[in-house]
Amino acid sequence: MFKVSVYVTPKRGVADPQGAVIERALPALGHHGVTQVRVGRYLTLEVPGDDVAQVREAVDDMCRKLLANPIIEDYWFEVTPAGEGA
């Protein structure tokens, strides 16, 4: 069993209205000069398997087909044995 952390963000050049709202609001909270705010998603999965290469291939397939829209989003993920860090 593996624990997988998936990060999905808008590609550069794709409008990110949530990021723009946060970027405009930060100065009012005293945080000046922050730029390029991008809002994305973070997903965690537990994936069965014994071979990390097969799990990586399966997760990449999940990302391309469902978890991210590769046309407008970038994604990356980390795979660790499920017992680590617990």
N, C-alpha and C. Protein backbone atom coordinates (compact mmCIF):
# COMPACT_ATOMS: atom_id res chain seq x y z
N MET A 1 0.85 -1.18 0.00
CA MET A 1 0.00 0.00 0.00
C MET A 1 0.90 1.24 0.00
N PHE A 2 0.50 2.23 -0.78
CA PHE A 2 1.25 3.47 -0.88
C PHE A 2 0.34 4.67 -0.60
N LYS A 3 0.91 5.68 0.03
CA LYS A 3 0.22 6.95 0.21
C LYS A 3 0.68 7.87 -0.91
N VAL A 4 -0.27 8.53 -1.56
CA VAL A 4 0.04 9.40 -2.68
C VAL A 4 -0.50 10.79 -2.40
N SER A 5 0.33 11.80 -2.58
CA SER A 5 -0.08 13.20 -2.49
C SER A 5 -0.04 13.76 -3.90
N VAL A 6 -1.18 14.29 -4.35
CA VAL A 6 -1.30 14.83 -5.71
C VAL A 6 -1.54 16.34 -5.60
N TYR A 7 -0.79 17.10 -6.37
CA TYR A 7 -0.91 18.56 -6.42
C TYR A 7 -1.33 18.96 -7.83
N VAL A 8 -2.40 19.76 -7.92
CA VAL A 8 -2.92 20.20 -9.21
C VAL A 8 -3.00 21.73 -9.19
N THR A 9 -2.41 22.38 -10.18
CA THR A 9 -2.43 23.84 -10.26
C THR A 9 -2.73 24.27 -11.69
N PRO A 10 -3.28 25.47 -11.86
CA PRO A 10 -3.50 25.98 -13.21
C PRO A 10 -2.15 26.18 -13.92
N LYS A 11 -2.12 25.90 -15.21
CA LYS A 11 -0.90 26.15 -15.99
C LYS A 11 -0.64 27.65 -16.04
N ARG A 12 0.63 28.00 -16.22
CA ARG A 12 0.97 29.41 -16.41
C ARG A 12 0.24 29.91 -17.66
N GLY A 13 -0.27 31.11 -17.57
CA GLY A 13 -0.98 31.69 -18.70
C GLY A 13 -2.47 31.41 -18.67
N VAL A 14 -2.92 30.49 -17.81
CA VAL A 14 -4.34 30.20 -17.66
C VAL A 14 -4.88 31.08 -16.54
N ALA A 15 -5.99 31.73 -16.78
CA ALA A 15 -6.57 32.61 -15.76
C ALA A 15 -6.82 31.86 -14.47
N ASP A 16 -6.52 32.50 -13.35
CA ASP A 16 -6.74 31.93 -12.03
C ASP A 16 -7.45 32.98 -11.18
N PRO A 17 -8.79 33.08 -11.31
CA PRO A 17 -9.53 34.11 -10.61
C PRO A 17 -9.39 34.03 -9.08
N GLN A 18 -9.33 32.83 -8.53
CA GLN A 18 -9.16 32.70 -7.07
C GLN A 18 -7.81 33.25 -6.63
N GLY A 19 -6.78 32.92 -7.39
CA GLY A 19 -5.46 33.44 -7.08
C GLY A 19 -5.41 34.96 -7.16
N ALA A 20 -6.09 35.52 -8.17
CA ALA A 20 -6.12 36.98 -8.33
C ALA A 20 -6.81 37.66 -7.15
N VAL A 21 -7.91 37.08 -6.67
CA VAL A 21 -8.62 37.65 -5.52
C VAL A 21 -7.72 37.63 -4.29
N ILE A 22 -7.04 36.52 -4.05
CA ILE A 22 -6.15 36.41 -2.90
C ILE A 22 -5.01 37.41 -3.01
N GLU A 23 -4.43 37.51 -4.21
CA GLU A 23 -3.31 38.44 -4.43
C GLU A 23 -3.73 39.88 -4.14
N ARG A 24 -4.95 40.25 -4.54
CA ARG A 24 -5.43 41.62 -4.29
C ARG A 24 -5.77 41.85 -2.82
N ALA A 25 -6.14 40.79 -2.09
CA ALA A 25 -6.54 40.94 -0.69
C ALA A 25 -5.35 40.96 0.27
N LEU A 26 -4.24 40.37 -0.09
CA LEU A 26 -3.11 40.27 0.83
C LEU A 26 -2.57 41.62 1.33
N PRO A 27 -2.48 42.65 0.49
CA PRO A 27 -1.99 43.94 1.01
C PRO A 27 -2.85 44.49 2.15
N ALA A 28 -4.16 44.25 2.10
CA ALA A 28 -5.04 44.72 3.18
C ALA A 28 -4.73 44.02 4.50
N LEU A 29 -4.08 42.87 4.42
CA LEU A 29 -3.70 42.12 5.62
C LEU A 29 -2.26 42.39 6.02
N GLY A 30 -1.63 43.35 5.32
CA GLY A 30 -0.27 43.73 5.67
C GLY A 30 0.81 42.94 4.94
N HIS A 31 0.44 42.19 3.93
CA HIS A 31 1.40 41.38 3.17
C HIS A 31 1.57 41.99 1.78
N HIS A 32 2.53 42.90 1.65
CA HIS A 32 2.74 43.63 0.41
C HIS A 32 3.79 42.94 -0.45
N GLY A 33 3.64 43.07 -1.75
CA GLY A 33 4.64 42.56 -2.67
C GLY A 33 4.47 41.10 -3.08
N VAL A 34 3.44 40.43 -2.57
CA VAL A 34 3.20 39.03 -2.95
C VAL A 34 2.60 39.02 -4.35
N THR A 35 3.19 38.21 -5.23
CA THR A 35 2.70 38.13 -6.61
C THR A 35 2.61 36.67 -7.05
N GLN A 36 2.01 36.49 -8.19
CA GLN A 36 1.90 35.17 -8.83
C GLN A 36 1.20 34.13 -7.94
N VAL A 37 0.13 34.54 -7.26
CA VAL A 37 -0.62 33.61 -6.42
C VAL A 37 -1.43 32.68 -7.33
N ARG A 38 -1.26 31.39 -7.12
CA ARG A 38 -1.99 30.38 -7.89
C ARG A 38 -2.69 29.46 -6.90
N VAL A 39 -3.96 29.21 -7.12
CA VAL A 39 -4.74 28.35 -6.25
C VAL A 39 -4.94 27.02 -6.95
N GLY A 40 -4.71 25.94 -6.24
CA GLY A 40 -4.86 24.62 -6.83
C GLY A 40 -5.57 23.68 -5.88
N ARG A 41 -5.37 22.40 -6.11
CA ARG A 41 -5.98 21.35 -5.29
C ARG A 41 -4.89 20.43 -4.77
N TYR A 42 -5.15 19.87 -3.60
CA TYR A 42 -4.27 18.87 -3.00
C TYR A 42 -5.13 17.67 -2.68
N LEU A 43 -4.74 16.51 -3.20
CA LEU A 43 -5.49 15.29 -2.96
C LEU A 43 -4.58 14.26 -2.33
N THR A 44 -5.14 13.43 -1.45
CA THR A 44 -4.38 12.32 -0.90
C THR A 44 -5.11 11.03 -1.25
N LEU A 45 -4.34 10.02 -1.58
CA LEU A 45 -4.89 8.72 -1.96
C LEU A 45 -4.09 7.62 -1.29
N GLU A 46 -4.72 6.51 -1.02
CA GLU A 46 -4.01 5.30 -0.65
C GLU A 46 -4.21 4.33 -1.80
N VAL A 47 -3.12 3.88 -2.37
CA VAL A 47 -3.17 3.05 -3.57
C VAL A 47 -2.54 1.70 -3.25
N PRO A 48 -3.25 0.60 -3.51
CA PRO A 48 -2.68 -0.71 -3.23
C PRO A 48 -1.58 -1.06 -4.23
N GLY A 49 -0.67 -1.89 -3.80
CA GLY A 49 0.38 -2.36 -4.70
C GLY A 49 1.67 -2.61 -3.95
N ASP A 50 2.57 -3.33 -4.60
CA ASP A 50 3.88 -3.63 -4.04
C ASP A 50 5.00 -2.98 -4.83
N ASP A 51 4.71 -2.58 -6.06
CA ASP A 51 5.72 -2.03 -6.97
C ASP A 51 5.49 -0.54 -7.16
N VAL A 52 6.42 0.28 -6.67
CA VAL A 52 6.24 1.73 -6.73
C VAL A 52 6.14 2.22 -8.17
N ALA A 53 6.83 1.60 -9.11
CA ALA A 53 6.76 2.01 -10.52
C ALA A 53 5.35 1.81 -11.07
N GLN A 54 4.72 0.70 -10.72
CA GLN A 54 3.35 0.44 -11.19
C GLN A 54 2.37 1.41 -10.56
N VAL A 55 2.59 1.72 -9.28
CA VAL A 55 1.72 2.69 -8.60
C VAL A 55 1.87 4.06 -9.25
N ARG A 56 3.11 4.47 -9.53
CA ARG A 56 3.33 5.77 -10.20
C ARG A 56 2.62 5.81 -11.55
N GLU A 57 2.71 4.74 -12.30
CA GLU A 57 2.05 4.68 -13.61
C GLU A 57 0.54 4.77 -13.46
N ALA A 58 -0.01 4.07 -12.46
CA ALA A 58 -1.45 4.11 -12.23
C ALA A 58 -1.91 5.51 -11.81
N VAL A 59 -1.15 6.15 -10.92
CA VAL A 59 -1.52 7.49 -10.46
C VAL A 59 -1.42 8.50 -11.59
N ASP A 60 -0.39 8.39 -12.42
CA ASP A 60 -0.28 9.28 -13.57
C ASP A 60 -1.49 9.12 -14.48
N ASP A 61 -1.95 7.89 -14.68
CA ASP A 61 -3.14 7.63 -15.50
C ASP A 61 -4.37 8.26 -14.85
N MET A 62 -4.50 8.14 -13.52
CA MET A 62 -5.62 8.75 -12.80
C MET A 62 -5.62 10.26 -13.00
N CYS A 63 -4.44 10.86 -12.89
CA CYS A 63 -4.32 12.31 -13.04
C CYS A 63 -4.71 12.76 -14.44
N ARG A 64 -4.20 12.07 -15.45
CA ARG A 64 -4.48 12.46 -16.83
C ARG A 64 -5.95 12.29 -17.19
N LYS A 65 -6.61 11.28 -16.61
CA LYS A 65 -7.98 10.96 -17.00
C LYS A 65 -9.05 11.55 -16.10
N LEU A 66 -8.71 11.90 -14.84
CA LEU A 66 -9.76 12.35 -13.94
C LEU A 66 -9.35 13.45 -12.97
N LEU A 67 -8.22 13.30 -12.32
CA LEU A 67 -7.88 14.21 -11.23
C LEU A 67 -7.44 15.60 -11.69
N ALA A 68 -6.94 15.71 -12.90
CA ALA A 68 -6.51 16.99 -13.45
C ALA A 68 -6.98 17.10 -14.90
N ASN A 69 -7.07 18.32 -15.37
CA ASN A 69 -7.35 18.56 -16.78
C ASN A 69 -6.03 18.98 -17.42
N PRO A 70 -5.32 18.06 -18.07
CA PRO A 70 -3.98 18.36 -18.59
C PRO A 70 -3.93 19.50 -19.60
N ILE A 71 -5.07 19.90 -20.13
CA ILE A 71 -5.09 21.01 -21.08
C ILE A 71 -4.84 22.33 -20.36
N ILE A 72 -5.41 22.50 -19.17
CA ILE A 72 -5.29 23.77 -18.46
C ILE A 72 -4.62 23.66 -17.10
N GLU A 73 -4.28 22.42 -16.67
CA GLU A 73 -3.68 22.24 -15.35
C GLU A 73 -2.40 21.42 -15.42
N ASP A 74 -1.49 21.75 -14.52
CA ASP A 74 -0.30 20.93 -14.30
C ASP A 74 -0.55 20.09 -13.06
N TYR A 75 0.12 18.95 -12.98
CA TYR A 75 0.02 18.14 -11.77
C TYR A 75 1.35 17.47 -11.50
N TRP A 76 1.56 17.15 -10.25
CA TRP A 76 2.71 16.34 -9.85
C TRP A 76 2.28 15.59 -8.60
N PHE A 77 3.00 14.52 -8.29
CA PHE A 77 2.62 13.73 -7.14
C PHE A 77 3.83 13.10 -6.48
N GLU A 78 3.63 12.74 -5.21
CA GLU A 78 4.65 12.07 -4.42
C GLU A 78 4.07 10.74 -3.94
N VAL A 79 4.86 9.69 -4.03
CA VAL A 79 4.42 8.36 -3.60
C VAL A 79 5.34 7.89 -2.48
N THR A 80 4.74 7.49 -1.35
CA THR A 80 5.52 6.96 -0.23
C THR A 80 4.82 5.71 0.30
N PRO A 81 5.56 4.78 0.88
CA PRO A 81 4.92 3.63 1.52
C PRO A 81 3.93 4.13 2.57
N ALA A 82 2.78 3.50 2.66
CA ALA A 82 1.69 3.98 3.52
C ALA A 82 2.08 4.08 4.99
N GLY A 83 3.01 3.27 5.46
CA GLY A 83 3.39 3.31 6.87
C GLY A 83 4.35 4.42 7.23
N GLU A 84 5.01 5.04 6.27
CA GLU A 84 6.02 6.08 6.54
C GLU A 84 5.37 7.37 7.01
N GLY A 85 5.99 7.97 8.01
CA GLY A 85 5.54 9.28 8.49
C GLY A 85 4.26 9.23 9.29
N ALA A 86 3.73 8.06 9.58
CA ALA A 86 2.46 7.98 10.31
C ALA A 86 2.69 8.01 11.80
